[in-house]
Amino acid sequence: PDAVVLAAAGVGNHDNIGGLFRNAAAFGAGAVVLDDRCADPFYRKAIRVSVGAVLRTPCPAPVPLDRTIDALAAAGFEIVALTPGATEPLSGLAPGGRRALLVGSEGPGLPPAVIARCRPVAIPMSGGFDSLNVATAAAVALHQLTRA
């Protein structure tokens, strides 16, 4: 069956973690999967920014990113990595299927070795910008992947 989950790697800011959970809940993602380098989603600021979504969105215990990717792939998810350097635009993805949207920390983003294991897509920018805040980018991508 169709399913979308949001996965995050190395997102250390509690505001961004809360925003990711809020977006996942707002767009109907089935779960949020964090690697072991992400900030604690149960820190009070993350809970507040998520407007409580942290408390009601499934989230397995964090594990290293390689194990996260292995588990998602084993569960039949296509892993879509958001990265500014991708040549495929996000807008080319049609909703449906089993997809895990993978986002990385602001600044360094996802490691090249991780991107190589995924389907890299980009949100085209204008005005000299190459990327958005991680929570904002996730919201745009979740909308694209879950719209009916």
N, C-alpha and C. Protein backbone atom coordinates (compact mmCIF):
# COMPACT_ATOMS: atom_id res chain seq x y z
N PRO A 1 0.82 -1.21 0.00
CA PRO A 1 0.00 0.00 0.00
C PRO A 1 0.86 1.26 0.00
N ASP A 2 0.27 2.34 -0.50
CA ASP A 2 0.96 3.63 -0.51
C ASP A 2 1.29 4.06 0.92
N ALA A 3 2.46 4.66 1.10
CA ALA A 3 2.86 5.19 2.40
C ALA A 3 4.00 6.17 2.19
N VAL A 4 4.01 7.21 3.01
CA VAL A 4 5.11 8.17 3.02
C VAL A 4 5.59 8.29 4.45
N VAL A 5 6.90 8.21 4.63
CA VAL A 5 7.50 8.50 5.93
C VAL A 5 8.55 9.59 5.72
N LEU A 6 8.80 10.33 6.77
CA LEU A 6 9.81 11.38 6.74
C LEU A 6 11.00 10.90 7.56
N ALA A 7 12.19 10.92 6.97
CA ALA A 7 13.41 10.51 7.66
C ALA A 7 14.35 11.71 7.72
N ALA A 8 15.04 11.85 8.85
CA ALA A 8 15.96 12.97 9.03
C ALA A 8 17.31 12.46 9.52
N ALA A 9 18.37 13.08 9.00
CA ALA A 9 19.73 12.71 9.35
C ALA A 9 20.49 13.92 9.87
N GLY A 10 20.95 13.84 11.10
CA GLY A 10 21.82 14.88 11.64
C GLY A 10 21.17 16.22 11.89
N VAL A 11 19.87 16.28 12.03
CA VAL A 11 19.18 17.55 12.30
C VAL A 11 19.26 17.80 13.80
N GLY A 12 20.11 18.73 14.20
CA GLY A 12 20.38 18.95 15.61
C GLY A 12 19.60 20.07 16.27
N ASN A 13 18.85 20.83 15.50
CA ASN A 13 18.11 21.98 16.03
C ASN A 13 16.70 21.54 16.45
N HIS A 14 16.34 21.82 17.70
CA HIS A 14 15.03 21.41 18.22
C HIS A 14 13.87 22.07 17.50
N ASP A 15 14.04 23.31 17.06
CA ASP A 15 12.98 23.97 16.28
C ASP A 15 12.73 23.20 14.99
N ASN A 16 13.80 22.81 14.32
CA ASN A 16 13.65 22.07 13.07
C ASN A 16 13.04 20.69 13.30
N ILE A 17 13.43 20.02 14.37
CA ILE A 17 12.84 18.71 14.68
C ILE A 17 11.34 18.88 14.91
N GLY A 18 10.95 19.86 15.69
CA GLY A 18 9.53 20.11 15.93
C GLY A 18 8.80 20.43 14.64
N GLY A 19 9.41 21.24 13.78
CA GLY A 19 8.82 21.57 12.49
C GLY A 19 8.66 20.35 11.60
N LEU A 20 9.63 19.46 11.62
CA LEU A 20 9.54 18.25 10.81
C LEU A 20 8.36 17.39 11.27
N PHE A 21 8.18 17.24 12.58
CA PHE A 21 7.06 16.45 13.08
C PHE A 21 5.73 17.12 12.75
N ARG A 22 5.67 18.43 12.88
CA ARG A 22 4.43 19.15 12.56
C ARG A 22 4.07 18.95 11.09
N ASN A 23 5.06 19.08 10.22
CA ASN A 23 4.82 18.90 8.79
C ASN A 23 4.42 17.47 8.47
N ALA A 24 5.08 16.51 9.08
CA ALA A 24 4.74 15.10 8.84
C ALA A 24 3.29 14.84 9.20
N ALA A 25 2.86 15.35 10.35
CA ALA A 25 1.47 15.17 10.78
C ALA A 25 0.51 15.90 9.84
N ALA A 26 0.87 17.12 9.45
CA ALA A 26 -0.01 17.93 8.61
C ALA A 26 -0.22 17.32 7.23
N PHE A 27 0.79 16.62 6.71
CA PHE A 27 0.68 16.05 5.37
C PHE A 27 0.42 14.54 5.38
N GLY A 28 0.17 13.98 6.55
CA GLY A 28 -0.24 12.59 6.63
C GLY A 28 0.86 11.56 6.51
N ALA A 29 2.09 11.94 6.82
CA ALA A 29 3.17 10.94 6.81
C ALA A 29 2.90 9.91 7.90
N GLY A 30 3.23 8.67 7.62
CA GLY A 30 2.95 7.60 8.56
C GLY A 30 3.87 7.56 9.76
N ALA A 31 5.06 8.15 9.64
CA ALA A 31 6.03 8.12 10.73
C ALA A 31 7.13 9.14 10.44
N VAL A 32 7.87 9.45 11.48
CA VAL A 32 9.11 10.22 11.35
C VAL A 32 10.22 9.32 11.87
N VAL A 33 11.26 9.16 11.07
CA VAL A 33 12.39 8.31 11.43
C VAL A 33 13.61 9.21 11.56
N LEU A 34 14.20 9.23 12.75
CA LEU A 34 15.37 10.06 13.01
C LEU A 34 16.61 9.18 13.16
N ASP A 35 17.74 9.66 12.65
CA ASP A 35 18.96 8.91 12.91
C ASP A 35 19.49 9.30 14.30
N ASP A 36 20.54 8.64 14.72
CA ASP A 36 21.05 8.83 16.08
C ASP A 36 21.83 10.13 16.28
N ARG A 37 21.89 10.97 15.25
CA ARG A 37 22.55 12.27 15.39
C ARG A 37 21.56 13.42 15.46
N CYS A 38 20.28 13.11 15.40
CA CYS A 38 19.24 14.15 15.48
C CYS A 38 19.00 14.57 16.92
N ALA A 39 18.47 15.77 17.07
CA ALA A 39 18.10 16.28 18.39
C ALA A 39 16.93 15.47 18.95
N ASP A 40 16.79 15.52 20.26
CA ASP A 40 15.74 14.78 20.97
C ASP A 40 14.37 15.38 20.64
N PRO A 41 13.48 14.59 20.02
CA PRO A 41 12.16 15.13 19.69
C PRO A 41 11.29 15.38 20.92
N PHE A 42 11.67 14.80 22.06
CA PHE A 42 10.87 14.97 23.27
C PHE A 42 11.37 16.10 24.16
N TYR A 43 12.34 16.85 23.67
CA TYR A 43 12.75 18.08 24.35
C TYR A 43 11.58 19.06 24.25
N ARG A 44 11.32 19.80 25.32
CA ARG A 44 10.09 20.59 25.38
C ARG A 44 9.93 21.57 24.22
N LYS A 45 11.02 22.17 23.74
CA LYS A 45 10.92 23.11 22.63
C LYS A 45 10.49 22.39 21.35
N ALA A 46 11.00 21.19 21.11
CA ALA A 46 10.60 20.42 19.93
C ALA A 46 9.11 20.06 20.01
N ILE A 47 8.67 19.68 21.19
CA ILE A 47 7.25 19.34 21.37
C ILE A 47 6.38 20.57 21.10
N ARG A 48 6.79 21.72 21.65
CA ARG A 48 6.01 22.95 21.47
C ARG A 48 5.95 23.36 20.00
N VAL A 49 7.09 23.35 19.31
CA VAL A 49 7.10 23.74 17.90
C VAL A 49 6.26 22.77 17.07
N SER A 50 6.23 21.51 17.46
CA SER A 50 5.46 20.51 16.72
C SER A 50 3.97 20.60 17.00
N VAL A 51 3.56 21.50 17.88
CA VAL A 51 2.19 21.61 18.37
C VAL A 51 1.65 20.24 18.80
N GLY A 52 2.51 19.48 19.46
CA GLY A 52 2.13 18.19 20.01
C GLY A 52 2.24 17.02 19.06
N ALA A 53 2.59 17.27 17.80
CA ALA A 53 2.69 16.17 16.83
C ALA A 53 3.73 15.14 17.23
N VAL A 54 4.77 15.56 17.95
CA VAL A 54 5.79 14.62 18.42
C VAL A 54 5.15 13.53 19.28
N LEU A 55 4.11 13.90 20.01
CA LEU A 55 3.49 12.96 20.95
C LEU A 55 2.51 12.00 20.28
N ARG A 56 2.16 12.25 19.03
CA ARG A 56 1.18 11.38 18.38
C ARG A 56 1.64 10.83 17.02
N THR A 57 2.85 11.12 16.62
CA THR A 57 3.38 10.62 15.35
C THR A 57 4.34 9.47 15.64
N PRO A 58 4.12 8.32 15.03
CA PRO A 58 5.04 7.20 15.26
C PRO A 58 6.48 7.58 14.93
N CYS A 59 7.39 7.16 15.81
CA CYS A 59 8.81 7.47 15.64
C CYS A 59 9.62 6.36 16.32
N PRO A 60 10.23 5.48 15.52
CA PRO A 60 11.03 4.42 16.13
C PRO A 60 12.28 4.98 16.82
N ALA A 61 12.90 4.18 17.64
CA ALA A 61 14.13 4.60 18.32
C ALA A 61 15.20 4.93 17.28
N PRO A 62 15.92 6.02 17.48
CA PRO A 62 16.96 6.42 16.52
C PRO A 62 18.08 5.38 16.43
N VAL A 63 18.55 5.17 15.20
CA VAL A 63 19.69 4.28 14.93
C VAL A 63 20.61 5.00 13.95
N PRO A 64 21.83 4.50 13.75
CA PRO A 64 22.72 5.12 12.76
C PRO A 64 22.06 5.17 11.38
N LEU A 65 22.43 6.17 10.59
CA LEU A 65 21.79 6.43 9.31
C LEU A 65 21.85 5.24 8.36
N ASP A 66 22.97 4.55 8.29
CA ASP A 66 23.07 3.39 7.39
C ASP A 66 22.03 2.33 7.75
N ARG A 67 21.82 2.10 9.03
CA ARG A 67 20.81 1.13 9.46
C ARG A 67 19.40 1.63 9.14
N THR A 68 19.18 2.92 9.27
CA THR A 68 17.88 3.51 8.92
C THR A 68 17.57 3.27 7.45
N ILE A 69 18.53 3.55 6.59
CA ILE A 69 18.34 3.36 5.15
C ILE A 69 18.10 1.89 4.84
N ASP A 70 18.89 1.00 5.45
CA ASP A 70 18.71 -0.44 5.23
C ASP A 70 17.31 -0.89 5.63
N ALA A 71 16.83 -0.43 6.78
CA ALA A 71 15.51 -0.84 7.27
C ALA A 71 14.39 -0.32 6.37
N LEU A 72 14.51 0.93 5.92
CA LEU A 72 13.49 1.48 5.02
C LEU A 72 13.47 0.74 3.69
N ALA A 73 14.64 0.46 3.14
CA ALA A 73 14.71 -0.27 1.88
C ALA A 73 14.15 -1.68 2.04
N ALA A 74 14.45 -2.34 3.16
CA ALA A 74 13.94 -3.69 3.41
C ALA A 74 12.42 -3.69 3.53
N ALA A 75 11.86 -2.57 3.99
CA ALA A 75 10.40 -2.45 4.13
C ALA A 75 9.73 -2.03 2.82
N GLY A 76 10.52 -1.92 1.75
CA GLY A 76 9.96 -1.62 0.44
C GLY A 76 9.79 -0.16 0.13
N PHE A 77 10.50 0.71 0.84
CA PHE A 77 10.41 2.14 0.58
C PHE A 77 11.46 2.57 -0.43
N GLU A 78 11.05 3.39 -1.40
CA GLU A 78 12.01 4.10 -2.24
C GLU A 78 12.47 5.29 -1.41
N ILE A 79 13.76 5.48 -1.28
CA ILE A 79 14.28 6.56 -0.44
C ILE A 79 14.63 7.74 -1.34
N VAL A 80 13.91 8.82 -1.13
CA VAL A 80 14.07 10.05 -1.90
C VAL A 80 14.85 11.04 -1.05
N ALA A 81 16.04 11.39 -1.49
CA ALA A 81 16.91 12.30 -0.74
C ALA A 81 16.78 13.71 -1.30
N LEU A 82 16.41 14.66 -0.44
CA LEU A 82 16.37 16.06 -0.86
C LEU A 82 17.78 16.62 -0.79
N THR A 83 18.26 17.13 -1.91
CA THR A 83 19.60 17.70 -1.96
C THR A 83 19.67 18.75 -3.07
N PRO A 84 20.25 19.90 -2.79
CA PRO A 84 20.30 20.96 -3.80
C PRO A 84 21.05 20.57 -5.07
N GLY A 85 21.97 19.62 -4.98
CA GLY A 85 22.78 19.24 -6.14
C GLY A 85 22.13 18.26 -7.08
N ALA A 86 20.92 17.79 -6.77
CA ALA A 86 20.26 16.80 -7.62
C ALA A 86 19.86 17.41 -8.95
N THR A 87 19.85 16.58 -9.98
CA THR A 87 19.42 17.06 -11.29
C THR A 87 17.93 16.81 -11.52
N GLU A 88 17.35 15.86 -10.79
CA GLU A 88 15.93 15.57 -10.94
C GLU A 88 15.13 16.51 -10.04
N PRO A 89 14.14 17.24 -10.58
CA PRO A 89 13.35 18.13 -9.75
C PRO A 89 12.28 17.37 -8.96
N LEU A 90 12.02 17.82 -7.76
CA LEU A 90 10.98 17.25 -6.92
C LEU A 90 9.64 17.22 -7.66
N SER A 91 9.37 18.25 -8.44
CA SER A 91 8.08 18.35 -9.13
C SER A 91 7.82 17.21 -10.11
N GLY A 92 8.86 16.47 -10.47
CA GLY A 92 8.70 15.34 -11.36
C GLY A 92 8.18 14.08 -10.68
N LEU A 93 8.13 14.08 -9.36
CA LEU A 93 7.65 12.91 -8.63
C LEU A 93 6.14 12.96 -8.48
N ALA A 94 5.48 11.91 -8.91
CA ALA A 94 4.04 11.82 -8.72
C ALA A 94 3.76 11.18 -7.37
N PRO A 95 2.66 11.55 -6.73
CA PRO A 95 2.30 10.91 -5.47
C PRO A 95 2.03 9.42 -5.67
N GLY A 96 2.12 8.69 -4.60
CA GLY A 96 1.82 7.26 -4.65
C GLY A 96 3.05 6.41 -4.42
N GLY A 97 2.82 5.17 -4.10
CA GLY A 97 3.90 4.25 -3.81
C GLY A 97 4.36 4.34 -2.36
N ARG A 98 5.42 3.65 -2.08
CA ARG A 98 6.01 3.67 -0.74
C ARG A 98 7.30 4.47 -0.80
N ARG A 99 7.28 5.65 -0.20
CA ARG A 99 8.45 6.52 -0.26
C ARG A 99 8.85 7.01 1.12
N ALA A 100 10.16 7.08 1.31
CA ALA A 100 10.74 7.70 2.50
C ALA A 100 11.45 8.95 2.02
N LEU A 101 11.04 10.09 2.54
CA LEU A 101 11.68 11.36 2.21
C LEU A 101 12.79 11.59 3.21
N LEU A 102 14.02 11.67 2.73
CA LEU A 102 15.19 11.84 3.58
C LEU A 102 15.72 13.26 3.48
N VAL A 103 15.83 13.92 4.63
CA VAL A 103 16.38 15.28 4.69
C VAL A 103 17.58 15.28 5.62
N GLY A 104 18.50 16.20 5.37
CA GLY A 104 19.71 16.30 6.17
C GLY A 104 19.78 17.60 6.92
N SER A 105 20.86 17.76 7.66
CA SER A 105 21.05 18.97 8.45
C SER A 105 21.31 20.16 7.54
N GLU A 106 20.95 21.33 8.04
CA GLU A 106 21.23 22.55 7.29
C GLU A 106 22.73 22.77 7.28
N GLY A 107 23.22 23.27 6.19
CA GLY A 107 24.66 23.46 6.06
C GLY A 107 25.26 22.29 5.32
N PRO A 108 25.72 21.27 6.05
CA PRO A 108 26.38 20.16 5.35
C PRO A 108 25.44 19.28 4.54
N GLY A 109 24.17 19.20 4.91
CA GLY A 109 23.23 18.35 4.19
C GLY A 109 23.55 16.88 4.36
N LEU A 110 23.13 16.10 3.39
CA LEU A 110 23.35 14.66 3.44
C LEU A 110 24.72 14.32 2.86
N PRO A 111 25.41 13.33 3.45
CA PRO A 111 26.71 12.93 2.90
C PRO A 111 26.57 12.34 1.49
N PRO A 112 27.56 12.58 0.63
CA PRO A 112 27.50 12.05 -0.74
C PRO A 112 27.28 10.54 -0.81
N ALA A 113 27.87 9.79 0.10
CA ALA A 113 27.69 8.33 0.10
C ALA A 113 26.25 7.95 0.38
N VAL A 114 25.56 8.75 1.19
CA VAL A 114 24.14 8.50 1.48
C VAL A 114 23.29 8.85 0.26
N ILE A 115 23.56 9.99 -0.33
CA ILE A 115 22.81 10.43 -1.51
C ILE A 115 22.94 9.37 -2.62
N ALA A 116 24.11 8.77 -2.75
CA ALA A 116 24.34 7.76 -3.79
C ALA A 116 23.46 6.52 -3.59
N ARG A 117 23.00 6.28 -2.36
CA ARG A 117 22.15 5.12 -2.08
C ARG A 117 20.66 5.43 -2.28
N CYS A 118 20.35 6.67 -2.63
CA CYS A 118 18.96 7.12 -2.69
C CYS A 118 18.63 7.66 -4.08
N ARG A 119 17.39 8.10 -4.23
CA ARG A 119 16.97 8.82 -5.43
C ARG A 119 17.05 10.31 -5.10
N PRO A 120 18.09 11.00 -5.56
CA PRO A 120 18.23 12.41 -5.20
C PRO A 120 17.29 13.30 -6.01
N VAL A 121 16.62 14.23 -5.33
CA VAL A 121 15.77 15.21 -5.98
C VAL A 121 16.04 16.58 -5.37
N ALA A 122 15.76 17.61 -6.14
CA ALA A 122 15.99 18.98 -5.69
C ALA A 122 14.73 19.81 -5.84
N ILE A 123 14.64 20.83 -5.02
CA ILE A 123 13.61 21.86 -5.18
C ILE A 123 14.30 23.03 -5.88
N PRO A 124 14.01 23.25 -7.15
CA PRO A 124 14.68 24.33 -7.87
C PRO A 124 14.45 25.69 -7.20
N MET A 125 15.50 26.47 -7.13
CA MET A 125 15.46 27.78 -6.46
C MET A 125 15.76 28.88 -7.47
N SER A 126 15.38 30.07 -7.10
CA SER A 126 15.77 31.23 -7.89
C SER A 126 16.33 32.28 -6.95
N GLY A 127 16.80 33.37 -7.49
CA GLY A 127 17.29 34.47 -6.66
C GLY A 127 18.62 34.20 -5.99
N GLY A 128 19.41 33.26 -6.51
CA GLY A 128 20.72 32.99 -5.94
C GLY A 128 20.71 32.07 -4.73
N PHE A 129 19.56 31.53 -4.36
CA PHE A 129 19.49 30.61 -3.23
C PHE A 129 19.66 29.19 -3.73
N ASP A 130 20.26 28.33 -2.89
CA ASP A 130 20.39 26.94 -3.30
C ASP A 130 19.53 25.99 -2.46
N SER A 131 18.99 26.49 -1.34
CA SER A 131 18.20 25.59 -0.50
C SER A 131 17.29 26.38 0.43
N LEU A 132 16.39 25.63 1.08
CA LEU A 132 15.46 26.18 2.08
C LEU A 132 15.81 25.64 3.45
N ASN A 133 15.23 26.21 4.48
CA ASN A 133 15.29 25.63 5.81
C ASN A 133 14.80 24.19 5.72
N VAL A 134 15.39 23.28 6.50
CA VAL A 134 15.08 21.86 6.38
C VAL A 134 13.60 21.56 6.62
N ALA A 135 12.98 22.21 7.58
CA ALA A 135 11.56 21.96 7.83
C ALA A 135 10.69 22.48 6.68
N THR A 136 11.06 23.63 6.13
CA THR A 136 10.32 24.19 5.00
C THR A 136 10.47 23.30 3.78
N ALA A 137 11.68 22.86 3.50
CA ALA A 137 11.91 21.97 2.36
C ALA A 137 11.12 20.67 2.52
N ALA A 138 11.10 20.14 3.73
CA ALA A 138 10.35 18.90 3.98
C ALA A 138 8.86 19.12 3.74
N ALA A 139 8.34 20.28 4.13
CA ALA A 139 6.91 20.56 3.92
C ALA A 139 6.59 20.60 2.42
N VAL A 140 7.43 21.27 1.64
CA VAL A 140 7.22 21.34 0.20
C VAL A 140 7.24 19.93 -0.39
N ALA A 141 8.22 19.14 0.00
CA ALA A 141 8.35 17.79 -0.55
C ALA A 141 7.22 16.87 -0.09
N LEU A 142 6.83 16.97 1.17
CA LEU A 142 5.71 16.15 1.66
C LEU A 142 4.42 16.49 0.92
N HIS A 143 4.21 17.77 0.65
CA HIS A 143 3.03 18.16 -0.12
C HIS A 143 3.07 17.49 -1.50
N GLN A 144 4.21 17.52 -2.15
CA GLN A 144 4.34 16.92 -3.48
C GLN A 144 4.07 15.41 -3.42
N LEU A 145 4.56 14.74 -2.40
CA LEU A 145 4.46 13.29 -2.32
C LEU A 145 3.12 12.79 -1.81
N THR A 146 2.34 13.66 -1.16
CA THR A 146 1.09 13.20 -0.55
C THR A 146 -0.15 13.84 -1.16
N ARG A 147 -0.01 14.78 -2.07
CA ARG A 147 -1.19 15.45 -2.61
C ARG A 147 -2.05 14.45 -3.38
N ALA A 148 -3.34 14.63 -3.28
CA ALA A 148 -4.26 13.69 -3.96
C ALA A 148 -4.64 14.21 -5.33
